[in-house]
Amino acid sequence: MIIMSVDYGDARTGIAVCDKMQILASPVCVISEKNRDALVLKTAQIAKEKGAERICVGLPQNMDGSYGFRCDACREFGELLARETGLEVVFQNERLTTVSAHNILNANDVRGKKRKAVVDAVSAVLILEDYLKTL
């Protein structure tokens, strides 16, 4: 099953997908879009192009496991995406994925504008990798 993951953000949203065997998660792109409705449409189009059968949206839980206002925004986005695509949308804790993504980019000497352009896609890969471990 091809699963697409989403690292939802106010300005940039990272997208990643896995292969049918659910072994390899790969970055797809970063969508620069501030309008939520337009972002839902763009994300749905990518899901269709990639043949996604399920979508995993990162849920930024607090360090104590509680949910904050940002989790509500991610859940709303996921619900809109489910309606638009007709696909099952699941949620995966994404706590510290951005920190881990920055560490990965540091280790690979990715800096400046190039880092800003890919960090959200790397975060989406990490979200998807974590989700695949639960299957």
N, C-alpha and C. Protein backbone atom coordinates (compact mmCIF):
# COMPACT_ATOMS: atom_id res chain seq x y z
N MET A 1 0.84 -1.18 0.00
CA MET A 1 0.00 0.00 0.00
C MET A 1 0.88 1.24 0.00
N ILE A 2 0.60 2.17 -0.88
CA ILE A 2 1.33 3.43 -0.92
C ILE A 2 0.70 4.38 0.10
N ILE A 3 1.53 4.85 1.00
CA ILE A 3 1.08 5.78 2.04
C ILE A 3 1.82 7.10 1.85
N MET A 4 1.09 8.18 1.91
CA MET A 4 1.68 9.52 1.80
C MET A 4 1.62 10.17 3.18
N SER A 5 2.70 10.81 3.57
CA SER A 5 2.70 11.53 4.84
C SER A 5 2.78 13.03 4.61
N VAL A 6 2.25 13.76 5.58
CA VAL A 6 2.16 15.21 5.49
C VAL A 6 2.68 15.83 6.78
N ASP A 7 3.65 16.71 6.66
CA ASP A 7 4.10 17.53 7.79
C ASP A 7 3.48 18.90 7.57
N TYR A 8 2.29 19.10 8.13
CA TYR A 8 1.48 20.30 7.90
C TYR A 8 2.07 21.51 8.61
N GLY A 9 2.20 22.61 7.85
CA GLY A 9 2.70 23.85 8.42
C GLY A 9 1.93 25.04 7.91
N ASP A 10 2.03 26.14 8.63
CA ASP A 10 1.31 27.36 8.25
C ASP A 10 1.79 27.94 6.93
N ALA A 11 3.09 27.83 6.66
CA ALA A 11 3.64 28.40 5.44
C ALA A 11 4.18 27.34 4.49
N ARG A 12 4.77 26.28 5.04
CA ARG A 12 5.35 25.20 4.23
C ARG A 12 4.87 23.85 4.76
N THR A 13 4.53 22.97 3.84
CA THR A 13 4.05 21.64 4.21
C THR A 13 4.87 20.60 3.47
N GLY A 14 5.46 19.69 4.22
CA GLY A 14 6.29 18.64 3.63
C GLY A 14 5.47 17.41 3.26
N ILE A 15 5.85 16.80 2.15
CA ILE A 15 5.16 15.61 1.66
C ILE A 15 6.20 14.50 1.42
N ALA A 16 5.84 13.27 1.82
CA ALA A 16 6.68 12.10 1.56
C ALA A 16 5.76 10.93 1.21
N VAL A 17 6.30 9.93 0.53
CA VAL A 17 5.54 8.72 0.22
C VAL A 17 6.42 7.50 0.43
N CYS A 18 5.77 6.36 0.63
CA CYS A 18 6.51 5.11 0.69
C CYS A 18 6.18 4.28 -0.53
N ASP A 19 6.99 3.27 -0.76
CA ASP A 19 6.75 2.34 -1.86
C ASP A 19 5.63 1.37 -1.46
N LYS A 20 5.16 0.59 -2.43
CA LYS A 20 4.05 -0.35 -2.19
C LYS A 20 4.39 -1.37 -1.10
N MET A 21 5.64 -1.73 -0.97
CA MET A 21 6.06 -2.72 0.04
C MET A 21 6.20 -2.08 1.43
N GLN A 22 6.06 -0.77 1.50
CA GLN A 22 6.15 0.00 2.75
C GLN A 22 7.51 -0.17 3.42
N ILE A 23 8.54 -0.19 2.57
CA ILE A 23 9.91 -0.34 3.08
C ILE A 23 10.65 0.99 3.07
N LEU A 24 10.50 1.73 1.98
CA LEU A 24 11.28 2.95 1.78
C LEU A 24 10.39 4.19 1.76
N ALA A 25 10.65 5.13 2.63
CA ALA A 25 9.96 6.42 2.64
C ALA A 25 10.86 7.44 1.97
N SER A 26 10.29 8.19 1.03
CA SER A 26 11.08 9.16 0.26
C SER A 26 10.41 10.52 0.28
N PRO A 27 11.22 11.59 0.32
CA PRO A 27 10.63 12.93 0.25
C PRO A 27 10.08 13.18 -1.15
N VAL A 28 8.98 13.92 -1.22
CA VAL A 28 8.38 14.27 -2.51
C VAL A 28 8.59 15.75 -2.79
N CYS A 29 8.12 16.59 -1.88
CA CYS A 29 8.22 18.04 -2.11
C CYS A 29 7.85 18.79 -0.85
N VAL A 30 8.02 20.09 -0.93
CA VAL A 30 7.51 21.01 0.08
C VAL A 30 6.56 21.95 -0.65
N ILE A 31 5.36 22.05 -0.15
CA ILE A 31 4.36 22.94 -0.73
C ILE A 31 4.40 24.26 0.04
N SER A 32 4.66 25.35 -0.66
CA SER A 32 4.63 26.68 -0.03
C SER A 32 3.26 27.27 -0.29
N GLU A 33 2.40 27.20 0.72
CA GLU A 33 1.03 27.68 0.58
C GLU A 33 0.49 28.04 1.96
N LYS A 34 -0.01 29.25 2.10
CA LYS A 34 -0.56 29.70 3.38
C LYS A 34 -2.08 29.52 3.47
N ASN A 35 -2.75 29.45 2.32
CA ASN A 35 -4.20 29.27 2.29
C ASN A 35 -4.53 27.80 2.49
N ARG A 36 -5.22 27.48 3.58
CA ARG A 36 -5.48 26.08 3.93
C ARG A 36 -6.29 25.34 2.86
N ASP A 37 -7.30 25.99 2.32
CA ASP A 37 -8.13 25.33 1.30
C ASP A 37 -7.32 25.02 0.05
N ALA A 38 -6.49 25.97 -0.37
CA ALA A 38 -5.63 25.73 -1.54
C ALA A 38 -4.63 24.62 -1.24
N LEU A 39 -4.12 24.59 0.00
CA LEU A 39 -3.18 23.55 0.40
C LEU A 39 -3.83 22.17 0.36
N VAL A 40 -5.08 22.08 0.81
CA VAL A 40 -5.79 20.81 0.77
C VAL A 40 -5.89 20.32 -0.68
N LEU A 41 -6.23 21.22 -1.60
CA LEU A 41 -6.36 20.83 -3.01
C LEU A 41 -5.02 20.38 -3.59
N LYS A 42 -3.95 21.12 -3.29
CA LYS A 42 -2.62 20.75 -3.79
C LYS A 42 -2.16 19.42 -3.22
N THR A 43 -2.41 19.21 -1.94
CA THR A 43 -2.02 17.96 -1.29
C THR A 43 -2.82 16.79 -1.86
N ALA A 44 -4.11 17.00 -2.08
CA ALA A 44 -4.96 15.96 -2.66
C ALA A 44 -4.49 15.59 -4.06
N GLN A 45 -4.06 16.58 -4.82
CA GLN A 45 -3.58 16.33 -6.18
C GLN A 45 -2.31 15.48 -6.15
N ILE A 46 -1.42 15.77 -5.22
CA ILE A 46 -0.19 14.97 -5.09
C ILE A 46 -0.53 13.54 -4.68
N ALA A 47 -1.48 13.39 -3.77
CA ALA A 47 -1.90 12.05 -3.35
C ALA A 47 -2.41 11.25 -4.55
N LYS A 48 -3.17 11.90 -5.40
CA LYS A 48 -3.70 11.24 -6.60
C LYS A 48 -2.56 10.87 -7.55
N GLU A 49 -1.65 11.83 -7.80
CA GLU A 49 -0.53 11.58 -8.71
C GLU A 49 0.37 10.44 -8.22
N LYS A 50 0.55 10.34 -6.92
CA LYS A 50 1.44 9.31 -6.35
C LYS A 50 0.73 7.99 -6.11
N GLY A 51 -0.59 7.96 -6.31
CA GLY A 51 -1.35 6.73 -6.11
C GLY A 51 -1.49 6.36 -4.64
N ALA A 52 -1.52 7.35 -3.78
CA ALA A 52 -1.63 7.10 -2.34
C ALA A 52 -2.95 6.40 -2.02
N GLU A 53 -2.86 5.45 -1.09
CA GLU A 53 -4.03 4.71 -0.65
C GLU A 53 -4.41 5.07 0.78
N ARG A 54 -3.52 5.75 1.46
CA ARG A 54 -3.75 6.24 2.83
C ARG A 54 -2.87 7.46 3.02
N ILE A 55 -3.31 8.36 3.89
CA ILE A 55 -2.53 9.56 4.19
C ILE A 55 -2.28 9.61 5.69
N CYS A 56 -1.04 9.87 6.05
CA CYS A 56 -0.64 10.00 7.44
C CYS A 56 -0.24 11.45 7.69
N VAL A 57 -0.95 12.10 8.59
CA VAL A 57 -0.67 13.50 8.92
C VAL A 57 0.03 13.54 10.28
N GLY A 58 1.12 14.27 10.34
CA GLY A 58 1.85 14.43 11.59
C GLY A 58 1.05 15.22 12.60
N LEU A 59 1.06 14.75 13.84
CA LEU A 59 0.32 15.39 14.93
C LEU A 59 1.33 15.84 15.98
N PRO A 60 1.53 17.15 16.11
CA PRO A 60 2.58 17.67 17.02
C PRO A 60 2.14 17.68 18.48
N GLN A 61 2.22 16.51 19.11
CA GLN A 61 1.87 16.43 20.52
C GLN A 61 2.94 17.12 21.36
N ASN A 62 2.51 17.58 22.54
CA ASN A 62 3.45 18.19 23.48
C ASN A 62 4.35 17.11 24.07
N MET A 63 5.43 17.51 24.70
CA MET A 63 6.40 16.55 25.25
C MET A 63 5.76 15.63 26.29
N ASP A 64 4.71 16.10 26.98
CA ASP A 64 4.03 15.26 27.97
C ASP A 64 2.93 14.41 27.35
N GLY A 65 2.81 14.45 26.01
CA GLY A 65 1.81 13.65 25.32
C GLY A 65 0.45 14.32 25.16
N SER A 66 0.31 15.52 25.73
CA SER A 66 -0.97 16.22 25.63
C SER A 66 -1.11 16.89 24.26
N TYR A 67 -2.31 17.32 23.96
CA TYR A 67 -2.61 17.95 22.68
C TYR A 67 -2.78 19.45 22.88
N GLY A 68 -2.21 20.23 21.99
CA GLY A 68 -2.35 21.68 22.03
C GLY A 68 -3.13 22.19 20.84
N PHE A 69 -3.16 23.51 20.67
CA PHE A 69 -3.91 24.12 19.58
C PHE A 69 -3.40 23.67 18.21
N ARG A 70 -2.13 23.39 18.10
CA ARG A 70 -1.56 22.98 16.82
C ARG A 70 -2.08 21.61 16.40
N CYS A 71 -2.32 20.74 17.37
CA CYS A 71 -2.91 19.43 17.07
C CYS A 71 -4.30 19.60 16.48
N ASP A 72 -5.06 20.55 17.02
CA ASP A 72 -6.40 20.79 16.49
C ASP A 72 -6.34 21.21 15.02
N ALA A 73 -5.39 22.08 14.70
CA ALA A 73 -5.24 22.54 13.31
C ALA A 73 -4.86 21.37 12.39
N CYS A 74 -4.00 20.49 12.86
CA CYS A 74 -3.60 19.33 12.05
C CYS A 74 -4.75 18.35 11.87
N ARG A 75 -5.54 18.17 12.90
CA ARG A 75 -6.71 17.28 12.79
C ARG A 75 -7.73 17.86 11.80
N GLU A 76 -7.97 19.16 11.88
CA GLU A 76 -8.90 19.80 10.94
C GLU A 76 -8.39 19.65 9.51
N PHE A 77 -7.10 19.87 9.31
CA PHE A 77 -6.51 19.70 7.99
C PHE A 77 -6.70 18.26 7.50
N GLY A 78 -6.44 17.30 8.36
CA GLY A 78 -6.61 15.90 8.01
C GLY A 78 -8.04 15.56 7.63
N GLU A 79 -8.99 16.12 8.35
CA GLU A 79 -10.41 15.87 8.05
C GLU A 79 -10.77 16.45 6.68
N LEU A 80 -10.28 17.65 6.39
CA LEU A 80 -10.53 18.26 5.08
C LEU A 80 -9.90 17.43 3.96
N LEU A 81 -8.71 16.94 4.22
CA LEU A 81 -8.00 16.13 3.24
C LEU A 81 -8.73 14.80 2.99
N ALA A 82 -9.26 14.21 4.05
CA ALA A 82 -10.02 12.96 3.91
C ALA A 82 -11.27 13.19 3.05
N ARG A 83 -11.96 14.29 3.29
CA ARG A 83 -13.15 14.61 2.50
C ARG A 83 -12.79 14.85 1.04
N GLU A 84 -11.70 15.55 0.80
CA GLU A 84 -11.31 15.88 -0.57
C GLU A 84 -10.83 14.66 -1.35
N THR A 85 -10.11 13.76 -0.69
CA THR A 85 -9.51 12.62 -1.38
C THR A 85 -10.35 11.34 -1.31
N GLY A 86 -11.17 11.23 -0.28
CA GLY A 86 -11.89 9.98 -0.05
C GLY A 86 -11.01 8.89 0.55
N LEU A 87 -9.78 9.27 0.95
CA LEU A 87 -8.83 8.32 1.52
C LEU A 87 -8.89 8.34 3.04
N GLU A 88 -8.47 7.23 3.63
CA GLU A 88 -8.34 7.18 5.08
C GLU A 88 -7.17 8.08 5.48
N VAL A 89 -7.40 8.91 6.48
CA VAL A 89 -6.34 9.75 7.03
C VAL A 89 -6.09 9.32 8.46
N VAL A 90 -4.84 9.00 8.74
CA VAL A 90 -4.43 8.62 10.09
C VAL A 90 -3.47 9.69 10.61
N PHE A 91 -3.28 9.67 11.91
CA PHE A 91 -2.40 10.67 12.53
C PHE A 91 -1.27 9.97 13.26
N GLN A 92 -0.09 10.57 13.17
CA GLN A 92 1.11 10.02 13.79
C GLN A 92 1.80 11.10 14.60
N ASN A 93 2.16 10.78 15.83
CA ASN A 93 2.88 11.74 16.66
C ASN A 93 4.15 12.18 15.93
N GLU A 94 4.34 13.47 15.80
CA GLU A 94 5.52 13.98 15.10
C GLU A 94 6.45 14.74 16.03
N ARG A 95 6.29 14.54 17.29
CA ARG A 95 7.12 15.23 18.27
C ARG A 95 8.60 15.06 17.94
N LEU A 96 9.30 16.16 17.84
CA LEU A 96 10.75 16.24 17.61
C LEU A 96 11.20 15.86 16.20
N THR A 97 10.28 15.67 15.25
CA THR A 97 10.72 15.32 13.91
C THR A 97 11.48 16.46 13.24
N THR A 98 11.05 17.69 13.50
CA THR A 98 11.75 18.82 12.89
C THR A 98 13.17 18.93 13.46
N VAL A 99 13.32 18.69 14.75
CA VAL A 99 14.66 18.70 15.36
C VAL A 99 15.52 17.61 14.72
N SER A 100 14.95 16.42 14.57
CA SER A 100 15.68 15.32 13.95
C SER A 100 16.02 15.64 12.50
N ALA A 101 15.08 16.26 11.79
CA ALA A 101 15.34 16.63 10.39
C ALA A 101 16.50 17.62 10.30
N HIS A 102 16.53 18.60 11.19
CA HIS A 102 17.65 19.56 11.20
C HIS A 102 18.97 18.85 11.50
N ASN A 103 18.94 17.87 12.41
CA ASN A 103 20.16 17.12 12.73
C ASN A 103 20.65 16.34 11.52
N ILE A 104 19.73 15.73 10.79
CA ILE A 104 20.09 14.99 9.58
C ILE A 104 20.70 15.94 8.54
N LEU A 105 20.08 17.09 8.37
CA LEU A 105 20.60 18.06 7.40
C LEU A 105 21.94 18.62 7.84
N ASN A 106 22.13 18.83 9.15
CA ASN A 106 23.44 19.26 9.66
C ASN A 106 24.51 18.22 9.33
N ALA A 107 24.19 16.96 9.56
CA ALA A 107 25.15 15.89 9.32
C ALA A 107 25.52 15.79 7.84
N ASN A 108 24.64 16.26 6.98
CA ASN A 108 24.90 16.22 5.54
C ASN A 108 25.29 17.58 4.98
N ASP A 109 25.61 18.51 5.90
CA ASP A 109 26.09 19.84 5.54
C ASP A 109 25.13 20.59 4.59
N VAL A 110 23.83 20.47 4.87
CA VAL A 110 22.82 21.22 4.11
C VAL A 110 22.49 22.46 4.92
N ARG A 111 22.73 23.62 4.34
CA ARG A 111 22.58 24.87 5.08
C ARG A 111 21.77 25.91 4.29
N GLY A 112 21.39 26.97 4.98
CA GLY A 112 20.78 28.13 4.36
C GLY A 112 19.47 27.88 3.64
N LYS A 113 19.34 28.49 2.47
CA LYS A 113 18.10 28.40 1.70
C LYS A 113 17.78 26.97 1.30
N LYS A 114 18.80 26.20 1.01
CA LYS A 114 18.58 24.81 0.61
C LYS A 114 17.95 24.03 1.76
N ARG A 115 18.37 24.30 2.98
CA ARG A 115 17.82 23.63 4.16
C ARG A 115 16.36 23.99 4.33
N LYS A 116 16.05 25.26 4.23
CA LYS A 116 14.68 25.73 4.40
C LYS A 116 13.75 25.07 3.37
N ALA A 117 14.29 24.80 2.20
CA ALA A 117 13.49 24.22 1.12
C ALA A 117 13.19 22.74 1.32
N VAL A 118 13.99 22.05 2.14
CA VAL A 118 13.81 20.60 2.27
C VAL A 118 13.48 20.09 3.66
N VAL A 119 13.64 20.90 4.68
CA VAL A 119 13.49 20.40 6.05
C VAL A 119 12.10 19.82 6.29
N ASP A 120 11.07 20.42 5.73
CA ASP A 120 9.71 19.91 5.96
C ASP A 120 9.48 18.58 5.25
N ALA A 121 10.09 18.38 4.09
CA ALA A 121 9.98 17.10 3.40
C ALA A 121 10.73 16.01 4.17
N VAL A 122 11.88 16.35 4.74
CA VAL A 122 12.61 15.40 5.56
C VAL A 122 11.79 15.04 6.80
N SER A 123 11.14 16.03 7.39
CA SER A 123 10.26 15.77 8.54
C SER A 123 9.13 14.83 8.15
N ALA A 124 8.56 15.02 6.95
CA ALA A 124 7.49 14.14 6.48
C ALA A 124 8.00 12.71 6.32
N VAL A 125 9.24 12.54 5.88
CA VAL A 125 9.84 11.20 5.78
C VAL A 125 9.93 10.57 7.16
N LEU A 126 10.37 11.34 8.15
CA LEU A 126 10.51 10.81 9.51
C LEU A 126 9.15 10.43 10.10
N ILE A 127 8.13 11.24 9.83
CA ILE A 127 6.77 10.92 10.28
C ILE A 127 6.33 9.60 9.66
N LEU A 128 6.56 9.45 8.37
CA LEU A 128 6.15 8.24 7.67
C LEU A 128 6.93 7.02 8.16
N GLU A 129 8.23 7.17 8.38
CA GLU A 129 9.02 6.06 8.90
C GLU A 129 8.49 5.61 10.26
N ASP A 130 8.17 6.56 11.13
CA ASP A 130 7.61 6.21 12.44
C ASP A 130 6.27 5.49 12.30
N TYR A 131 5.44 5.97 11.39
CA TYR A 131 4.14 5.34 11.17
C TYR A 131 4.31 3.92 10.64
N LEU A 132 5.22 3.73 9.70
CA LEU A 132 5.44 2.40 9.12
C LEU A 132 5.88 1.39 10.18
N LYS A 133 6.57 1.85 11.20
CA LYS A 133 7.00 0.96 12.28
C LYS A 133 5.82 0.42 13.08
N THR A 134 4.69 1.14 13.06
CA THR A 134 3.53 0.72 13.84
C THR A 134 2.67 -0.30 13.09
N LEU A 135 2.93 -0.50 11.82
CA LEU A 135 2.09 -1.41 11.02
C LEU A 135 2.48 -2.87 11.21
